């Protein structure tokens, strides 16, 4: 997701800040942070289909969305660098289930999980 705003020194567009939050999705305070605009979930291309990364099941429970089924319907394969952007509907109530969750989830293909695949995935997530 590109950040709108004034260009940085040298005329390049300002990029968003990225935070890597280690730990569990279920207990992470960052997933509920008001200033967390995107949640990225890694998905590998396994021999028997998609293999979501650690934390994806917890995120699915938090959001109430079956990310695996959504990915399959969209033809997502999990190849390195592939992305699928899911934007939540606009909230009409502060008390709704999604009111304090990141409004965008990006499924990111990590391929077979080697370092080059993760590099492609990171670059694709930054562009999404």
C-alpha atoms as a PDB file:
ATOM      1  CA  UNK A   1       0.000   0.000   0.000  1.00  0.00           C
ATOM      2  CA  UNK A   2       1.588   3.250  -1.079  1.00  0.00           C
ATOM      3  CA  UNK A   3       1.337   6.210   1.223  1.00  0.00           C
ATOM      4  CA  UNK A   4      -0.053   9.413  -0.191  1.00  0.00           C
ATOM      5  CA  UNK A   5       1.652  12.621   0.714  1.00  0.00           C
ATOM      6  CA  UNK A   6       4.598  14.807  -0.095  1.00  0.00           C
ATOM      7  CA  UNK A   7       7.536  13.285  -1.871  1.00  0.00           C
ATOM      8  CA  UNK A   8      10.583  12.394   0.162  1.00  0.00           C
ATOM      9  CA  UNK A   9      13.951  14.016  -0.469  1.00  0.00           C
ATOM     10  CA  UNK A  10      15.063  13.366  -4.019  1.00  0.00           C
ATOM     11  CA  UNK A  11      11.514  13.353  -5.405  1.00  0.00           C
ATOM     12  CA  UNK A  12      10.681   9.740  -4.448  1.00  0.00           C
ATOM     13  CA  UNK A  13       7.261   9.029  -2.965  1.00  0.00           C
ATOM     14  CA  UNK A  14       7.168   8.414   0.775  1.00  0.00           C
ATOM     15  CA  UNK A  15       6.754   4.749   1.653  1.00  0.00           C
ATOM     16  CA  UNK A  16       4.627   3.394   4.509  1.00  0.00           C
ATOM     17  CA  UNK A  17       6.254   2.257   7.726  1.00  0.00           C
ATOM     18  CA  UNK A  18       6.360  -1.515   8.127  1.00  0.00           C
ATOM     19  CA  UNK A  19       6.363  -3.212  11.527  1.00  0.00           C
ATOM     20  CA  UNK A  20       7.156  -6.866  12.029  1.00  0.00           C
ATOM     21  CA  UNK A  21       5.249  -8.095  15.054  1.00  0.00           C
ATOM     22  CA  UNK A  22       6.453 -11.393  16.413  1.00  0.00           C
ATOM     23  CA  UNK A  23       4.167 -13.495  18.539  1.00  0.00           C
ATOM     24  CA  UNK A  24       0.682 -14.836  18.124  1.00  0.00           C
ATOM     25  CA  UNK A  25      -2.091 -13.222  16.105  1.00  0.00           C
ATOM     26  CA  UNK A  26      -4.659 -14.202  18.730  1.00  0.00           C
ATOM     27  CA  UNK A  27      -2.966 -12.204  21.472  1.00  0.00           C
ATOM     28  CA  UNK A  28      -1.285  -9.430  19.493  1.00  0.00           C
ATOM     29  CA  UNK A  29      -2.239  -5.918  20.516  1.00  0.00           C
ATOM     30  CA  UNK A  30      -0.925  -4.651  17.171  1.00  0.00           C
ATOM     31  CA  UNK A  31      -3.686  -6.405  15.180  1.00  0.00           C
ATOM     32  CA  UNK A  32      -6.203  -4.235  17.057  1.00  0.00           C
ATOM     33  CA  UNK A  33      -4.164  -1.041  16.872  1.00  0.00           C
ATOM     34  CA  UNK A  34      -6.052   1.860  15.357  1.00  0.00           C
ATOM     35  CA  UNK A  35      -3.049   2.729  13.190  1.00  0.00           C
ATOM     36  CA  UNK A  36      -2.591  -0.789  11.757  1.00  0.00           C
ATOM     37  CA  UNK A  37      -3.950  -0.460   8.214  1.00  0.00           C
ATOM     38  CA  UNK A  38      -2.903  -3.877   6.838  1.00  0.00           C
ATOM     39  CA  UNK A  39      -2.460  -7.430   8.077  1.00  0.00           C
ATOM     40  CA  UNK A  40      -0.253  -9.600   5.852  1.00  0.00           C
ATOM     41  CA  UNK A  41      -0.646 -13.387   5.959  1.00  0.00           C
ATOM     42  CA  UNK A  42       1.901 -15.646   4.298  1.00  0.00           C
ATOM     43  CA  UNK A  43       0.603 -18.596   2.278  1.00  0.00           C
ATOM     44  CA  UNK A  44       2.879 -21.336   0.911  1.00  0.00           C
ATOM     45  CA  UNK A  45       2.322 -23.415  -2.210  1.00  0.00           C
ATOM     46  CA  UNK A  46       2.310 -26.926  -0.736  1.00  0.00           C
ATOM     47  CA  UNK A  47       2.152 -30.294  -2.509  1.00  0.00           C
ATOM     48  CA  UNK A  48      -1.468 -30.753  -1.403  1.00  0.00           C
ATOM     49  CA  UNK A  49      -2.603 -27.178  -1.995  1.00  0.00           C
ATOM     50  CA  UNK A  50      -2.318 -23.972  -0.017  1.00  0.00           C
ATOM     51  CA  UNK A  51      -0.506 -24.033   3.331  1.00  0.00           C
ATOM     52  CA  UNK A  52      -1.219 -20.860   5.315  1.00  0.00           C
ATOM     53  CA  UNK A  53       1.628 -19.610   7.521  1.00  0.00           C
ATOM     54  CA  UNK A  54       1.603 -19.562  11.294  1.00  0.00           C
ATOM     55  CA  UNK A  55      -1.091 -17.274  12.645  1.00  0.00           C
ATOM     56  CA  UNK A  56      -3.434 -17.481   9.671  1.00  0.00           C
ATOM     57  CA  UNK A  57      -5.958 -19.708  11.466  1.00  0.00           C
ATOM     58  CA  UNK A  58      -5.966 -17.292  14.404  1.00  0.00           C
ATOM     59  CA  UNK A  59      -6.489 -14.356  12.035  1.00  0.00           C
ATOM     60  CA  UNK A  60      -9.348 -16.219  10.338  1.00  0.00           C
ATOM     61  CA  UNK A  61     -11.027 -16.656  13.714  1.00  0.00           C
ATOM     62  CA  UNK A  62     -10.487 -12.983  14.658  1.00  0.00           C
ATOM     63  CA  UNK A  63     -11.944 -11.777  11.354  1.00  0.00           C
ATOM     64  CA  UNK A  64     -14.581 -14.497  10.948  1.00  0.00           C
ATOM     65  CA  UNK A  65     -13.387 -15.081   7.380  1.00  0.00           C
ATOM     66  CA  UNK A  66     -12.303 -18.388   5.848  1.00  0.00           C
ATOM     67  CA  UNK A  67      -9.134 -17.093   4.164  1.00  0.00           C
ATOM     68  CA  UNK A  68      -8.286 -20.486   2.625  1.00  0.00           C
ATOM     69  CA  UNK A  69     -11.675 -20.821   0.909  1.00  0.00           C
ATOM     70  CA  UNK A  70     -11.543 -17.196  -0.235  1.00  0.00           C
ATOM     71  CA  UNK A  71      -8.067 -17.727  -1.679  1.00  0.00           C
ATOM     72  CA  UNK A  72      -9.104 -20.895  -3.507  1.00  0.00           C
ATOM     73  CA  UNK A  73     -12.170 -19.201  -5.034  1.00  0.00           C
ATOM     74  CA  UNK A  74      -9.946 -16.386  -6.299  1.00  0.00           C
ATOM     75  CA  UNK A  75      -7.483 -18.828  -7.898  1.00  0.00           C
ATOM     76  CA  UNK A  76      -4.706 -17.939  -5.454  1.00  0.00           C
ATOM     77  CA  UNK A  77      -1.890 -20.495  -5.739  1.00  0.00           C
ATOM     78  CA  UNK A  78       0.613 -19.298  -3.114  1.00  0.00           C
ATOM     79  CA  UNK A  79       3.440 -18.826  -5.601  1.00  0.00           C
ATOM     80  CA  UNK A  80       6.143 -16.472  -4.378  1.00  0.00           C
ATOM     81  CA  UNK A  81       5.107 -12.838  -4.727  1.00  0.00           C
ATOM     82  CA  UNK A  82       1.442 -13.466  -5.513  1.00  0.00           C
ATOM     83  CA  UNK A  83      -0.969 -11.296  -3.514  1.00  0.00           C
ATOM     84  CA  UNK A  84      -4.680 -11.278  -2.856  1.00  0.00           C
ATOM     85  CA  UNK A  85      -6.002  -8.076  -1.252  1.00  0.00           C
ATOM     86  CA  UNK A  86      -9.125  -8.368   0.893  1.00  0.00           C
ATOM     87  CA  UNK A  87     -10.698  -5.096   2.025  1.00  0.00           C
ATOM     88  CA  UNK A  88     -13.248  -5.194   4.806  1.00  0.00           C
ATOM     89  CA  UNK A  89     -16.597  -3.485   4.285  1.00  0.00           C
ATOM     90  CA  UNK A  90     -16.935   0.017   5.723  1.00  0.00           C
ATOM     91  CA  UNK A  91     -17.987  -0.068   9.355  1.00  0.00           C
ATOM     92  CA  UNK A  92     -21.334   1.352  10.372  1.00  0.00           C
ATOM     93  CA  UNK A  93     -20.937   0.692  14.083  1.00  0.00           C
ATOM     94  CA  UNK A  94     -18.018   1.033  16.470  1.00  0.00           C
ATOM     95  CA  UNK A  95     -19.300  -2.090  18.242  1.00  0.00           C
ATOM     96  CA  UNK A  96     -18.989  -4.411  15.226  1.00  0.00           C
ATOM     97  CA  UNK A  97     -16.591  -7.358  15.140  1.00  0.00           C
ATOM     98  CA  UNK A  98     -14.212  -5.592  12.728  1.00  0.00           C
ATOM     99  CA  UNK A  99     -14.264  -2.157  14.330  1.00  0.00           C
ATOM    100  CA  UNK A 100     -10.698  -2.315  15.683  1.00  0.00           C
ATOM    101  CA  UNK A 101      -9.076  -4.721  13.218  1.00  0.00           C
ATOM    102  CA  UNK A 102      -6.897  -3.781  10.269  1.00  0.00           C
ATOM    103  CA  UNK A 103      -9.309  -2.892   7.427  1.00  0.00           C
ATOM    104  CA  UNK A 104      -7.214  -4.693   4.819  1.00  0.00           C
ATOM    105  CA  UNK A 105      -5.827  -8.231   4.783  1.00  0.00           C
ATOM    106  CA  UNK A 106      -3.246  -9.207   2.174  1.00  0.00           C
ATOM    107  CA  UNK A 107      -2.615 -12.873   1.500  1.00  0.00           C
ATOM    108  CA  UNK A 108       0.965 -13.136   0.257  1.00  0.00           C
ATOM    109  CA  UNK A 109       2.376 -16.145  -1.562  1.00  0.00           C
ATOM    110  CA  UNK A 110       5.679 -17.353  -0.118  1.00  0.00           C
ATOM    111  CA  UNK A 111       6.178 -20.175  -2.621  1.00  0.00           C
ATOM    112  CA  UNK A 112       8.359 -22.954  -1.240  1.00  0.00           C
ATOM    113  CA  UNK A 113       9.644 -20.757   1.573  1.00  0.00           C
ATOM    114  CA  UNK A 114      13.246 -20.244   0.494  1.00  0.00           C
ATOM    115  CA  UNK A 115      14.953 -16.858   1.040  1.00  0.00           C
ATOM    116  CA  UNK A 116      14.308 -15.652  -2.536  1.00  0.00           C
ATOM    117  CA  UNK A 117      10.622 -16.548  -2.193  1.00  0.00           C
ATOM    118  CA  UNK A 118      10.364 -14.515   1.015  1.00  0.00           C
ATOM    119  CA  UNK A 119      12.150 -11.597  -0.659  1.00  0.00           C
ATOM    120  CA  UNK A 120       9.589 -11.672  -3.508  1.00  0.00           C
ATOM    121  CA  UNK A 121       6.764 -11.943  -0.979  1.00  0.00           C
ATOM    122  CA  UNK A 122       8.026  -8.946   1.003  1.00  0.00           C
ATOM    123  CA  UNK A 123       8.367  -6.818  -2.119  1.00  0.00           C
ATOM    124  CA  UNK A 124       4.869  -7.790  -3.267  1.00  0.00           C
ATOM    125  CA  UNK A 125       3.387  -7.003   0.132  1.00  0.00           C
ATOM    126  CA  UNK A 126       4.951  -3.543   0.016  1.00  0.00           C
ATOM    127  CA  UNK A 127       3.367  -2.936  -3.416  1.00  0.00           C
ATOM    128  CA  UNK A 128      -0.082  -4.286  -2.479  1.00  0.00           C
END
